[in-house]
Protein backbone atom coordinates (compact mmCIF):
# COMPACT_ATOMS: atom_id res chain seq x y z
CA MET A 1 13.66 -9.22 -15.95
CA ASP A 2 15.02 -5.75 -16.67
CA ILE A 3 16.26 -3.97 -13.52
CA THR A 4 14.24 -0.83 -14.32
CA LEU A 5 11.06 -2.87 -14.65
CA PHE A 6 11.73 -4.72 -11.40
CA ILE A 7 12.49 -1.56 -9.40
CA ALA A 8 9.51 0.28 -10.94
CA GLN A 9 7.15 -2.55 -10.01
CA PHE A 10 8.58 -2.81 -6.49
CA MET A 11 8.37 0.95 -5.89
CA GLY A 12 4.96 1.10 -7.54
CA TYR A 13 3.35 -1.56 -5.40
CA PHE A 14 5.05 -0.21 -2.28
CA LEU A 15 3.93 3.39 -2.88
CA ALA A 16 0.39 2.36 -3.81
CA ILE A 17 0.02 0.24 -0.68
CA VAL A 18 1.54 2.90 1.60
CA GLY A 19 -0.64 5.61 0.05
CA ALA A 20 -3.80 3.50 0.34
CA THR A 21 -3.13 2.67 3.98
CA MET A 22 -2.41 6.34 4.67
CA LEU A 23 -5.79 7.22 3.18
CA LEU A 24 -7.59 4.50 5.15
CA LYS A 25 -5.70 4.71 8.46
CA ARG A 26 -4.73 8.35 8.93
CA LYS A 27 -4.55 8.24 12.74
CA ILE A 28 -2.24 5.22 12.78
CA ALA A 29 0.02 6.67 10.08
CA GLU A 30 0.26 10.05 11.81
CA ASP A 31 0.95 8.44 15.19
CA ALA A 32 3.73 6.32 13.66
CA ILE A 33 5.33 9.31 11.96
CA LYS A 34 5.04 11.45 15.09
CA SER A 35 6.52 8.71 17.25
CA ALA A 36 9.46 8.17 14.87
CA LEU A 37 10.25 11.88 14.60
CA LYS A 38 10.00 12.50 18.35
CA ASN A 39 12.51 9.76 19.12
CA ARG A 40 15.97 10.80 17.91
CA GLY A 41 17.25 7.19 17.96
CA THR A 42 14.37 5.95 15.83
CA MET A 43 14.84 8.85 13.44
CA TYR A 44 18.54 7.98 13.13
CA VAL A 45 17.84 4.30 12.41
CA LEU A 46 15.16 5.29 9.89
CA GLY A 47 17.74 7.56 8.24
CA LEU A 48 20.31 4.76 8.08
CA LEU A 49 17.80 2.41 6.45
CA GLU A 50 16.72 5.04 3.92
CA VAL A 51 20.32 5.93 3.08
CA ALA A 52 21.17 2.24 2.58
CA ALA A 53 18.12 1.64 0.37
CA GLY A 54 18.74 4.89 -1.51
CA ILE A 55 22.38 4.05 -2.22
CA LEU A 56 21.44 0.56 -3.39
CA LEU A 57 18.80 1.94 -5.76
CA VAL A 58 20.99 4.78 -7.06
CA LEU A 59 23.85 2.36 -7.77
CA ALA A 60 21.56 -0.29 -9.26
CA HIS A 61 19.76 2.19 -11.48
CA PRO A 62 21.92 5.02 -12.85
CA SER A 63 19.89 5.44 -16.06
CA TRP A 64 17.92 8.59 -16.93
CA ASP A 65 16.90 7.68 -20.52
CA THR A 66 13.17 6.95 -20.59
CA LEU A 67 10.35 8.40 -18.49
CA MET A 68 10.29 5.23 -16.38
CA ASP A 69 14.09 5.45 -15.92
CA LYS A 70 13.76 9.06 -14.82
CA SER A 71 10.94 8.19 -12.40
CA VAL A 72 12.86 5.34 -10.79
CA SER A 73 16.11 7.34 -10.56
CA LEU A 74 14.34 10.38 -9.15
CA LEU A 75 12.60 8.30 -6.47
CA ALA A 76 15.90 6.59 -5.60
CA TRP A 77 17.66 9.94 -5.16
CA PHE A 78 14.74 11.29 -3.13
CA LEU A 79 14.96 8.28 -0.81
CA LEU A 80 18.70 8.81 -0.38
CA LEU A 81 18.33 12.53 0.33
CA GLU A 82 15.46 11.98 2.75
CA GLY A 83 17.60 9.47 4.63
CA VAL A 84 20.47 11.96 4.86
CA PHE A 85 18.02 14.56 6.17
CA TYR A 86 16.90 12.20 8.95
CA LEU A 87 20.54 11.58 9.89
CA ILE A 88 21.46 15.25 10.19
CA ALA A 89 18.20 16.98 11.12
CA THR A 90 17.70 18.44 14.54
CA GLN A 91 14.66 17.58 16.61
CA LYS A 92 13.28 21.07 15.94
CA GLN A 93 13.61 20.64 12.16
CA ALA A 94 11.92 17.23 12.32
CA MET A 95 9.02 18.67 14.29
CA MET A 96 8.63 21.52 11.75
CA ILE A 97 8.29 18.89 9.02
CA LEU A 98 5.76 17.02 11.16
CA LYS A 99 3.66 20.17 11.64
CA PHE A 100 3.64 20.77 7.88
CA PHE A 101 2.52 17.20 7.06
CA HIS A 102 -0.05 17.21 9.87
CA ARG A 103 -2.25 19.63 7.92
CA GLU A 104 -5.19 17.65 6.61
CA MET A 105 -4.99 18.83 3.00
CA VAL A 106 -1.21 18.27 2.78
CA TYR A 107 -1.52 14.82 4.30
CA TYR A 108 -4.22 13.70 1.86
CA VAL A 109 -2.47 15.20 -1.17
CA ILE A 110 0.71 13.28 -0.30
CA ALA A 111 -1.19 10.04 0.36
CA PHE A 112 -3.10 10.38 -2.92
CA ALA A 113 0.14 11.22 -4.78
CA TYR A 114 1.69 7.99 -3.42
CA VAL A 115 -1.24 6.00 -4.80
CA VAL A 116 -1.14 7.74 -8.19
CA VAL A 117 2.65 7.50 -8.62
CA GLY A 118 2.59 3.89 -7.42
CA ALA A 119 -0.21 2.94 -9.78
CA GLY A 120 1.53 4.77 -12.62
CA LEU A 121 4.73 2.80 -12.06
CA VAL A 122 2.91 -0.52 -11.83
CA LEU A 123 0.77 0.10 -14.90
CA SER A 124 3.63 1.38 -17.04
CA ALA A 125 5.93 -1.48 -16.11
């Protein structure tokens, strides 16, 4: 199996499932995010995991040729950068992000975008 296809399918299913559960279980998702961002240790561990996954994906998939390649590479870099943010962000910065995502419209747009991007990756793979 081609590495791009494998990563696209993995990311696609993951994003679609996360987005769907965010749409169905908003309270649980928001509580989990709030809890993680309020605890500096949890935020640090989350950052380490995201940086590790991001580096693995960036190294495993350096291609930017096709639309699927670009999508996978862009998501890999986003994961890496988000992880770095969690490692270096202050508690105040994390809480500002939380306030932004706590808005109902923003939350549902992001959750729906996860489902759409995930479905797009799965269907195009």
